[in-house]
């Protein structure tokens, strides 16, 4: 299934800094950026188009003519980031990477979910569970979490795409898909936002479930959460275009600075409480 573009021409202009009028001239004269058609005559654009335009800008700054720069950029097929974890690390190299075993990672994940739920967050709830059995073990919990959200999505190796009233949309991935090694949580509402991405480290032998090790990055910075959303939409576009479209079309919640500061502080306290209870360090 072809990758579905996610940006309008106006959004593409905003991301690249190239005026929409200039992009229309390029499209008329050079057929660039090509984009892809969705329903109707309007084009939509993906991350590959954003990267191609940035290549043109760089080549122009190096002295190439516009036509030559576009020709070179059109010959390059920018790689789509293979995972959310990799995408965030490449864009935010200052993010600290920590290593956690699955039980500790689960406690941190629950802390984010519960703190978001405690504030009745009504925006986005998205999680990648790797395997269907992991989601089924948390399905009741996630149905409760999804009750107040505008959009809730669960990704795992489900047999089929499924959307039930009052439950997260279940998005299937192949067992060998990159997201099959990734643990992902994104919450984004007017009262709180956070993202967590974890990549399971490969082992040389079968590992007991509780000993599985992950490299983890997480943040409560709204700009980083927005990047995680965009990366996820790009990955899902080739799997479930309609779901990716709904995700990319969901307004960014933009929690106020006061709300976000309070959320981050309370989340840190909750995460410590959960981890202390799990490992017997509470008073």
Protein backbone atom coordinates (compact mmCIF):
# COMPACT_ATOMS: atom_id res chain seq x y z
CA UNK A 1 0.00 0.00 0.00
CA UNK A 2 1.54 3.38 -0.98
CA UNK A 3 2.53 5.84 1.71
CA UNK A 4 -0.23 8.37 2.16
CA UNK A 5 0.89 12.04 2.31
CA UNK A 6 -0.10 13.94 5.40
CA UNK A 7 0.47 17.68 4.88
CA UNK A 8 -1.54 20.30 3.02
CA UNK A 9 0.30 22.80 0.81
CA UNK A 10 -0.05 25.43 3.53
CA UNK A 11 1.40 23.08 6.15
CA UNK A 12 4.21 22.13 3.80
CA UNK A 13 5.07 25.81 3.34
CA UNK A 14 5.05 26.36 7.10
CA UNK A 15 7.39 23.41 7.72
CA UNK A 16 9.91 24.31 5.03
CA UNK A 17 9.78 28.10 5.12
CA UNK A 18 9.15 28.23 1.36
CA UNK A 19 6.05 30.36 0.62
CA UNK A 20 3.04 28.49 -0.71
CA UNK A 21 3.04 30.70 -3.82
CA UNK A 22 6.64 29.72 -4.58
CA UNK A 23 5.80 26.04 -4.14
CA UNK A 24 2.91 26.44 -6.61
CA UNK A 25 5.29 27.97 -9.16
CA UNK A 26 7.74 25.09 -8.67
CA UNK A 27 4.94 22.57 -9.10
CA UNK A 28 3.72 24.28 -12.29
CA UNK A 29 7.15 24.60 -13.90
CA UNK A 30 9.00 21.56 -12.62
CA UNK A 31 6.35 19.18 -11.24
CA UNK A 32 8.06 19.50 -7.87
CA UNK A 33 7.24 18.75 -5.14
CA UNK A 34 5.20 15.95 -6.63
CA UNK A 35 3.21 15.03 -3.53
CA UNK A 36 0.35 12.60 -3.92
CA UNK A 37 -3.35 12.96 -4.62
CA UNK A 38 -5.92 12.17 -1.98
CA UNK A 39 -9.63 12.32 -2.65
CA UNK A 40 -10.26 15.20 -5.02
CA UNK A 41 -7.77 17.45 -6.79
CA UNK A 42 -5.80 18.68 -3.79
CA UNK A 43 -2.35 17.31 -3.12
CA UNK A 44 -1.07 16.09 0.20
CA UNK A 45 2.59 15.84 1.10
CA UNK A 46 4.72 13.58 3.27
CA UNK A 47 8.02 13.78 5.08
CA UNK A 48 9.85 12.81 1.89
CA UNK A 49 8.57 16.01 0.25
CA UNK A 50 9.70 18.10 3.22
CA UNK A 51 13.19 16.58 3.03
CA UNK A 52 13.35 17.05 -0.76
CA UNK A 53 12.54 20.75 -0.43
CA UNK A 54 15.23 21.13 2.21
CA UNK A 55 17.70 19.51 -0.18
CA UNK A 56 16.74 22.10 -2.80
CA UNK A 57 17.28 24.90 -0.29
CA UNK A 58 20.71 23.56 0.64
CA UNK A 59 21.80 23.10 -2.97
CA UNK A 60 20.60 26.58 -3.86
CA UNK A 61 22.66 28.02 -1.00
CA UNK A 62 25.65 26.20 -2.49
CA UNK A 63 25.17 28.00 -5.80
CA UNK A 64 23.16 25.58 -7.95
CA UNK A 65 20.43 26.90 -10.20
CA UNK A 66 16.89 26.14 -9.18
CA UNK A 67 16.34 23.66 -12.01
CA UNK A 68 19.58 21.80 -11.20
CA UNK A 69 18.79 21.70 -7.48
CA UNK A 70 15.31 20.33 -8.12
CA UNK A 71 16.69 17.72 -10.52
CA UNK A 72 19.14 16.48 -7.89
CA UNK A 73 16.56 16.53 -5.10
CA UNK A 74 14.08 14.63 -7.27
CA UNK A 75 16.67 11.91 -7.90
CA UNK A 76 17.10 11.33 -4.17
CA UNK A 77 14.53 9.31 -2.30
CA UNK A 78 14.85 10.40 1.31
CA UNK A 79 14.52 7.53 3.74
CA UNK A 80 11.51 7.48 6.01
CA UNK A 81 12.60 7.14 9.61
CA UNK A 82 12.32 3.42 10.50
CA UNK A 83 11.07 3.98 14.03
CA UNK A 84 9.78 6.63 16.40
CA UNK A 85 12.71 6.05 18.75
CA UNK A 86 15.24 6.56 15.93
CA UNK A 87 13.38 9.57 14.59
CA UNK A 88 13.29 11.34 17.93
CA UNK A 89 16.95 10.59 18.65
CA UNK A 90 18.06 11.99 15.30
CA UNK A 91 15.97 15.14 15.75
CA UNK A 92 16.59 15.61 19.47
CA UNK A 93 20.11 14.32 20.20
CA UNK A 94 20.05 16.03 23.60
CA UNK A 95 17.37 13.64 24.86
CA UNK A 96 18.83 11.36 27.50
CA UNK A 97 18.64 7.63 26.80
CA UNK A 98 18.13 5.38 29.81
CA UNK A 99 18.04 1.58 30.00
CA UNK A 100 15.14 -0.08 31.77
CA UNK A 101 13.96 -3.63 32.14
CA UNK A 102 10.37 -4.31 31.20
CA UNK A 103 8.88 -4.13 34.74
CA UNK A 104 10.35 -0.66 35.35
CA UNK A 105 9.34 0.51 31.88
CA UNK A 106 5.80 -0.68 32.56
CA UNK A 107 5.65 1.33 35.79
CA UNK A 108 6.83 4.48 34.01
CA UNK A 109 4.29 3.92 31.25
CA UNK A 110 1.47 3.45 33.76
CA UNK A 111 2.50 6.62 35.56
CA UNK A 112 2.17 8.66 32.35
CA UNK A 113 -1.17 7.04 31.47
CA UNK A 114 -2.62 7.48 34.95
CA UNK A 115 -1.48 11.09 35.35
CA UNK A 116 -3.02 11.92 31.99
CA UNK A 117 -6.22 10.09 32.98
CA UNK A 118 -6.35 11.88 36.36
CA UNK A 119 -6.62 15.14 34.44
CA UNK A 120 -9.34 13.75 32.13
CA UNK A 121 -7.14 14.36 29.12
CA UNK A 122 -9.45 14.55 26.11
CA UNK A 123 -6.98 14.64 23.24
CA UNK A 124 -4.80 11.82 21.91
CA UNK A 125 -3.90 8.47 23.45
CA UNK A 126 -1.63 6.25 21.34
CA UNK A 127 0.37 3.16 22.23
CA UNK A 128 2.46 0.55 20.45
CA UNK A 129 2.30 -2.79 22.26
CA UNK A 130 4.51 -4.93 20.02
CA UNK A 131 2.37 -8.08 20.42
CA UNK A 132 -1.40 -8.49 20.55
CA UNK A 133 -1.13 -10.49 23.77
CA UNK A 134 0.43 -7.46 25.47
CA UNK A 135 -2.49 -5.28 24.44
CA UNK A 136 -5.09 -7.88 25.43
CA UNK A 137 -3.57 -7.97 28.91
CA UNK A 138 -4.14 -4.19 29.13
CA UNK A 139 -7.29 -3.93 27.03
CA UNK A 140 -9.70 -3.26 29.89
CA UNK A 141 -7.38 -0.58 31.24
CA UNK A 142 -7.01 1.05 27.83
CA UNK A 143 -10.74 1.05 27.22
CA UNK A 144 -11.11 2.99 30.46
CA UNK A 145 -8.30 5.37 29.51
CA UNK A 146 -9.87 5.94 26.09
CA UNK A 147 -13.24 7.00 27.47
CA UNK A 148 -12.33 10.68 27.67
CA UNK A 149 -10.07 10.92 24.62
CA UNK A 150 -10.91 12.26 21.18
CA UNK A 151 -8.61 9.78 19.44
CA UNK A 152 -7.18 6.54 20.83
CA UNK A 153 -5.00 4.12 18.86
CA UNK A 154 -3.34 0.81 19.75
CA UNK A 155 -0.68 -0.74 17.49
CA UNK A 156 0.34 -4.41 17.67
CA UNK A 157 0.47 -7.55 15.54
CA UNK A 158 -3.33 -7.73 15.40
CA UNK A 159 -4.97 -9.90 12.76
CA UNK A 160 -6.91 -7.01 11.27
CA UNK A 161 -7.76 -3.35 11.60
CA UNK A 162 -10.60 -2.95 14.07
CA UNK A 163 -12.50 0.09 15.30
CA UNK A 164 -15.06 -0.49 18.03
CA UNK A 165 -17.12 2.14 19.82
CA UNK A 166 -15.60 2.99 23.18
CA UNK A 167 -12.28 1.30 22.45
CA UNK A 168 -8.97 2.27 20.85
CA UNK A 169 -8.64 1.65 17.12
CA UNK A 170 -6.55 -1.51 16.72
CA UNK A 171 -3.92 -1.07 13.98
CA UNK A 172 -2.21 -4.27 12.79
CA UNK A 173 1.49 -4.47 11.96
CA UNK A 174 3.49 -7.35 10.54
CA UNK A 175 5.39 -9.40 13.12
CA UNK A 176 8.71 -8.26 11.61
CA UNK A 177 7.76 -4.57 11.35
CA UNK A 178 10.11 -2.14 13.09
CA UNK A 179 7.31 -1.15 15.46
CA UNK A 180 7.32 -4.77 16.59
CA UNK A 181 10.49 -3.99 18.56
CA UNK A 182 9.25 -0.63 19.78
CA UNK A 183 7.30 0.39 22.88
CA UNK A 184 5.52 3.69 22.35
CA UNK A 185 3.17 5.92 24.32
CA UNK A 186 1.91 9.37 23.33
CA UNK A 187 -0.61 11.41 25.32
CA UNK A 188 -1.53 14.89 24.15
CA UNK A 189 -4.35 17.01 25.53
CA UNK A 190 -5.08 20.53 26.69
CA UNK A 191 -4.10 19.57 30.23
CA UNK A 192 -1.06 17.36 29.64
CA UNK A 193 1.27 15.98 27.01
CA UNK A 194 4.07 13.43 27.08
CA UNK A 195 5.71 10.83 24.90
CA UNK A 196 7.78 7.75 25.59
CA UNK A 197 9.61 5.67 23.01
CA UNK A 198 11.56 2.54 23.87
CA UNK A 199 13.50 0.20 21.62
CA UNK A 200 14.02 -3.37 22.75
CA UNK A 201 17.66 -4.40 22.70
CA UNK A 202 18.33 -7.58 20.71
CA UNK A 203 19.41 -10.57 22.74
CA UNK A 204 21.56 -13.54 21.77
CA UNK A 205 19.19 -15.99 23.48
CA UNK A 206 15.53 -16.09 24.56
CA UNK A 207 15.08 -13.77 27.54
CA UNK A 208 12.56 -14.11 30.36
CA UNK A 209 9.84 -11.50 29.97
CA UNK A 210 10.80 -9.61 33.12
CA UNK A 211 14.44 -9.41 32.06
CA UNK A 212 13.82 -7.87 28.65
CA UNK A 213 15.89 -4.70 28.29
CA UNK A 214 14.88 -1.47 26.54
CA UNK A 215 16.58 1.80 25.66
CA UNK A 216 14.13 4.53 26.60
CA UNK A 217 13.63 8.22 25.82
CA UNK A 218 10.74 10.25 27.18
CA UNK A 219 9.73 13.88 27.34
CA UNK A 220 6.99 16.25 28.43
CA UNK A 221 8.11 18.97 26.00
CA UNK A 222 5.17 19.85 23.70
CA UNK A 223 7.44 20.31 20.66
CA UNK A 224 8.93 16.83 21.11
CA UNK A 225 5.49 15.29 21.62
CA UNK A 226 4.39 16.96 18.37
CA UNK A 227 7.40 15.42 16.59
CA UNK A 228 6.51 11.98 17.96
CA UNK A 229 2.97 12.43 16.64
CA UNK A 230 4.22 13.41 13.18
CA UNK A 231 6.67 10.50 13.00
CA UNK A 232 3.96 8.06 14.05
CA UNK A 233 1.55 9.38 11.43
CA UNK A 234 4.22 8.91 8.76
CA UNK A 235 4.86 5.31 9.79
CA UNK A 236 1.16 4.47 10.03
CA UNK A 237 0.39 5.98 6.61
CA UNK A 238 1.65 2.87 4.82
CA UNK A 239 -0.25 0.56 7.18
CA UNK A 240 -3.54 2.30 7.91
CA UNK A 241 -3.95 5.47 5.82
CA UNK A 242 -7.31 6.44 7.30
CA UNK A 243 -5.94 6.17 10.85
CA UNK A 244 -2.85 8.17 9.89
CA UNK A 245 -5.07 10.83 8.35
CA UNK A 246 -7.17 11.10 11.51
CA UNK A 247 -4.01 11.32 13.60
CA UNK A 248 -2.40 14.02 11.46
CA UNK A 249 -5.70 15.91 11.32
CA UNK A 250 -6.18 15.94 15.09
CA UNK A 251 -5.36 19.44 16.36
CA UNK A 252 -2.26 19.73 18.52
CA UNK A 253 -3.62 20.22 22.03
CA UNK A 254 -1.09 22.86 23.14
CA UNK A 255 -1.30 22.49 26.91
CA UNK A 256 -0.66 25.80 28.63
CA UNK A 257 2.76 26.33 30.19
CA UNK A 258 1.16 26.30 33.66
CA UNK A 259 -0.75 23.08 33.02
CA UNK A 260 2.27 21.40 31.50
CA UNK A 261 4.59 22.40 34.33
CA UNK A 262 2.13 21.04 36.88
CA UNK A 263 1.67 17.85 34.87
CA UNK A 264 5.43 17.26 34.58
CA UNK A 265 5.92 17.80 38.32
CA UNK A 266 3.06 15.52 39.33
CA UNK A 267 4.15 12.91 36.79
CA UNK A 268 7.65 12.80 38.26
CA UNK A 269 6.16 12.23 41.73
CA UNK A 270 3.80 9.53 40.47
CA UNK A 271 6.58 7.74 38.55
CA UNK A 272 8.75 7.68 41.67
CA UNK A 273 5.82 6.36 43.73
CA UNK A 274 5.12 3.55 41.26
CA UNK A 275 8.77 2.55 40.92
CA UNK A 276 9.31 2.69 44.68
CA UNK A 277 6.27 0.49 45.28
CA UNK A 278 7.46 -1.97 42.63
CA UNK A 279 10.96 -2.27 44.03
CA UNK A 280 10.16 -1.95 47.75
CA UNK A 281 11.75 1.45 48.34
CA UNK A 282 8.73 3.24 49.78
CA UNK A 283 8.56 4.08 53.49
